Amino acid sequence: MRKLVYYIASTVDGFIAGPDGSDPTGPGGFWPVPADYLEHLVAHYPETLPVMAREALGVTAEGTHFDTVLEGRKSYEIGLAAGVPDAYPHLRHLVFSTTLGESPAEAVEVVAGDPVARVAELKQEDGKDIWLIGGGALAASLYGEIDRLIIKLGPLTTGTGIPLFGRDAAFDPRVWKLAGHEVMESGAVFLTYDR
């Protein structure tokens, strides 16, 4: 059975974006992207790079972890605002929204129904694991379905912002098992936890 993997960048104080929800790695963003961090992404998670980065870096690798990406409307609209209706054309791309309506990109599936039910269906299909890119609100709604966390912990704090599981997540303590870790010389740490 496929796993739902929340693969996300987080600050040391637990935020995945600034208070306005804008792209932390985009223009004017606060997220550092040192060379060793980027090299690690290209070598180990090439499928998680958006199409613009893949093209700029000459990345053609299919990737070994994911063949499907899930994101919430607010995260998806960051790409739309930049003129990119499908940042992951190399993956099956689902956007969860009750307000988006018709998909701006033919290959992007808009899901207006229950995220938990849709993820249960996806897990039963054959294929690689399912990447939950965010945002925090979607991660909160799928909290009980997440099988693995891969946290790209950046060596920075922001004081406030969008939390890892959104602002409205329920209090539901879970203990995770550390399955792996990789420390970059620049200070970023890739932490893998299994449920």
Protein backbone atom coordinates (compact mmCIF):
# COMPACT_ATOMS: atom_id res chain seq x y z
CA MET A 1 0.00 0.00 0.00
CA ARG A 2 1.24 3.48 -0.86
CA LYS A 3 2.15 5.87 1.94
CA LEU A 4 1.06 9.47 2.38
CA VAL A 5 4.26 11.42 3.02
CA TYR A 6 4.22 14.98 4.31
CA TYR A 7 7.48 16.20 2.76
CA ILE A 8 7.81 19.82 3.78
CA ALA A 9 10.32 22.51 4.70
CA SER A 10 10.00 23.91 8.22
CA THR A 11 11.77 26.48 10.32
CA VAL A 12 13.19 25.42 13.68
CA ASP A 13 10.16 27.04 15.33
CA GLY A 14 7.73 25.00 13.21
CA PHE A 15 6.58 27.33 10.41
CA ILE A 16 6.29 26.39 6.73
CA ALA A 17 5.54 29.89 5.40
CA GLY A 18 5.30 33.46 6.57
CA PRO A 19 2.08 34.91 8.00
CA ASP A 20 0.81 35.86 4.53
CA GLY A 21 1.33 32.32 3.19
CA SER A 22 3.57 33.43 0.32
CA ASP A 23 6.28 31.18 -1.11
CA PRO A 24 9.22 31.30 1.33
CA THR A 25 11.66 30.38 -1.48
CA GLY A 26 10.16 32.73 -4.07
CA PRO A 27 11.15 36.30 -4.86
CA GLY A 28 11.58 38.17 -1.58
CA GLY A 29 11.32 34.89 0.32
CA PHE A 30 13.09 34.25 3.60
CA TRP A 31 14.14 30.60 3.07
CA PRO A 32 17.87 30.04 2.44
CA VAL A 33 18.68 27.65 -0.40
CA PRO A 34 22.41 26.90 -0.05
CA ALA A 35 24.21 24.77 -2.60
CA ASP A 36 24.38 21.58 -0.48
CA TYR A 37 20.63 21.75 0.24
CA LEU A 38 19.81 22.12 -3.45
CA GLU A 39 22.27 19.36 -4.41
CA HIS A 40 20.58 17.04 -1.90
CA LEU A 41 17.15 17.76 -3.39
CA VAL A 42 18.39 17.13 -6.93
CA ALA A 43 20.14 13.89 -5.95
CA HIS A 44 17.49 12.39 -3.67
CA TYR A 45 14.14 14.10 -4.38
CA PRO A 46 14.27 15.39 -7.99
CA GLU A 47 10.53 14.87 -8.47
CA THR A 48 9.82 17.44 -5.74
CA LEU A 49 11.39 20.28 -7.69
CA PRO A 50 8.86 22.40 -9.57
CA VAL A 51 9.06 22.46 -13.35
CA MET A 52 10.83 25.84 -13.45
CA ALA A 53 13.61 24.62 -11.16
CA ARG A 54 13.91 21.32 -13.02
CA GLU A 55 14.33 23.17 -16.31
CA ALA A 56 16.81 25.70 -14.88
CA LEU A 57 18.91 22.94 -13.32
CA GLY A 58 18.60 20.50 -16.25
CA VAL A 59 16.92 17.89 -14.02
CA THR A 60 15.22 15.12 -15.97
CA ALA A 61 15.30 12.35 -13.35
CA GLU A 62 11.91 10.79 -12.71
CA GLY A 63 12.57 10.34 -9.01
CA THR A 64 12.20 7.34 -6.80
CA HIS A 65 9.86 8.43 -4.01
CA PHE A 66 6.65 9.96 -5.39
CA ASP A 67 4.43 9.80 -8.46
CA THR A 68 1.56 11.86 -7.03
CA VAL A 69 1.48 15.30 -5.37
CA LEU A 70 -1.35 16.74 -3.25
CA GLU A 71 -1.77 20.38 -2.36
CA GLY A 72 -4.32 22.75 -0.96
CA ARG A 73 -5.81 25.66 -2.86
CA LYS A 74 -3.72 28.36 -1.16
CA SER A 75 -0.46 26.56 -1.94
CA TYR A 76 -1.60 25.91 -5.51
CA GLU A 77 -2.51 29.58 -6.02
CA ILE A 78 1.10 30.61 -5.35
CA GLY A 79 2.03 28.90 -8.63
CA LEU A 80 -1.02 30.31 -10.41
CA ALA A 81 -0.06 33.84 -9.36
CA ALA A 82 3.38 33.21 -10.90
CA GLY A 83 1.76 32.08 -14.16
CA VAL A 84 2.36 28.37 -13.56
CA PRO A 85 -0.90 26.38 -13.61
CA ASP A 86 0.92 23.04 -13.12
CA ALA A 87 4.23 23.23 -11.28
CA TYR A 88 4.52 19.42 -11.27
CA PRO A 89 3.59 18.15 -14.76
CA HIS A 90 5.91 15.18 -14.19
CA LEU A 91 3.62 13.98 -11.33
CA ARG A 92 -0.06 13.23 -10.98
CA HIS A 93 -1.27 16.49 -9.43
CA LEU A 94 -4.33 16.88 -7.20
CA VAL A 95 -5.50 20.15 -5.67
CA PHE A 96 -8.02 20.10 -2.82
CA SER A 97 -10.46 22.99 -2.92
CA THR A 98 -14.15 23.58 -2.43
CA THR A 99 -13.93 27.01 -4.11
CA LEU A 100 -11.57 26.61 -7.08
CA GLY A 101 -14.11 25.05 -9.44
CA GLU A 102 -12.65 24.13 -12.81
CA SER A 103 -8.96 23.31 -13.03
CA PRO A 104 -6.75 25.92 -14.73
CA ALA A 105 -4.57 23.09 -16.08
CA GLU A 106 -5.84 20.02 -17.91
CA ALA A 107 -3.60 17.62 -16.00
CA VAL A 108 -4.41 19.04 -12.55
CA GLU A 109 -7.32 17.28 -10.81
CA VAL A 110 -9.38 19.53 -8.51
CA VAL A 111 -10.91 17.59 -5.63
CA ALA A 112 -13.85 19.28 -3.91
CA GLY A 113 -14.79 16.26 -1.79
CA ASP A 114 -13.41 14.80 1.43
CA PRO A 115 -9.58 14.74 1.38
CA VAL A 116 -9.46 11.74 3.74
CA ALA A 117 -11.69 9.64 1.48
CA ARG A 118 -9.71 10.62 -1.64
CA VAL A 119 -6.39 9.79 0.02
CA ALA A 120 -7.76 6.40 1.11
CA GLU A 121 -8.56 5.70 -2.56
CA LEU A 122 -5.12 6.86 -3.70
CA LYS A 123 -3.38 4.65 -1.14
CA GLN A 124 -5.10 1.57 -2.61
CA GLU A 125 -3.78 2.26 -6.11
CA ASP A 126 -0.51 0.89 -7.42
CA GLY A 127 2.43 3.23 -7.64
CA LYS A 128 4.97 5.16 -5.65
CA ASP A 129 4.20 7.08 -2.48
CA ILE A 130 1.97 10.15 -2.35
CA TRP A 131 3.58 13.51 -1.59
CA LEU A 132 1.64 15.96 0.52
CA ILE A 133 3.25 19.30 -0.30
CA GLY A 134 0.96 21.38 1.92
CA GLY A 135 -0.29 23.69 2.97
CA GLY A 136 -0.82 23.52 6.65
CA ALA A 137 -4.63 23.45 6.48
CA LEU A 138 -4.66 20.43 4.16
CA ALA A 139 -2.01 18.74 6.32
CA ALA A 140 -4.25 19.29 9.36
CA SER A 141 -7.23 17.70 7.60
CA LEU A 142 -5.06 14.72 6.60
CA TYR A 143 -3.24 14.49 9.94
CA GLY A 144 -4.53 11.00 10.74
CA GLU A 145 -3.66 9.70 7.25
CA ILE A 146 0.00 10.75 7.20
CA ASP A 147 2.29 7.71 7.31
CA ARG A 148 5.65 9.46 7.06
CA LEU A 149 7.02 12.92 7.77
CA ILE A 150 10.07 14.18 5.93
CA ILE A 151 10.94 17.53 7.46
CA LYS A 152 13.51 19.68 5.70
CA LEU A 153 14.44 21.61 8.83
CA GLY A 154 16.02 24.93 7.96
CA PRO A 155 18.51 26.64 10.26
CA LEU A 156 16.25 29.63 10.85
CA THR A 157 13.38 30.90 12.93
CA THR A 158 10.61 33.31 11.95
CA GLY A 159 8.71 33.87 15.19
CA THR A 160 5.34 33.41 13.48
CA GLY A 161 3.82 32.18 10.25
CA ILE A 162 1.85 29.23 8.92
CA PRO A 163 2.43 26.26 11.29
CA LEU A 164 3.32 22.81 10.03
CA PHE A 165 -0.28 21.66 10.51
CA GLY A 166 -2.05 24.97 9.97
CA ARG A 167 -3.60 27.36 12.40
CA ASP A 168 -6.73 25.29 13.07
CA ALA A 169 -5.24 21.85 13.71
CA ALA A 170 -6.82 19.83 16.51
CA PHE A 171 -4.81 18.87 19.58
CA ASP A 172 -3.96 15.21 18.90
CA PRO A 173 -0.51 14.18 20.21
CA ARG A 174 1.30 11.51 18.17
CA VAL A 175 4.69 9.91 18.69
CA TRP A 176 6.77 9.32 15.57
CA LYS A 177 9.76 7.00 15.10
CA LEU A 178 12.91 8.56 13.69
CA ALA A 179 13.68 6.55 10.55
CA GLY A 180 16.58 8.61 9.23
CA HIS A 181 18.38 11.92 9.26
CA GLU A 182 20.85 13.72 7.04
CA VAL A 183 22.68 16.85 8.12
CA MET A 184 23.84 19.37 5.54
CA GLU A 185 27.03 21.34 6.13
CA SER A 186 25.00 24.54 5.70
CA GLY A 187 22.88 23.64 8.73
CA ALA A 188 19.73 22.16 7.16
CA VAL A 189 18.65 18.76 8.47
CA PHE A 190 16.47 16.25 6.62
CA LEU A 191 14.49 14.33 9.25
CA THR A 192 12.43 11.26 8.36
CA TYR A 193 9.81 10.00 10.82
CA ASP A 194 7.46 7.04 10.42
CA ARG A 195 4.11 6.67 12.16
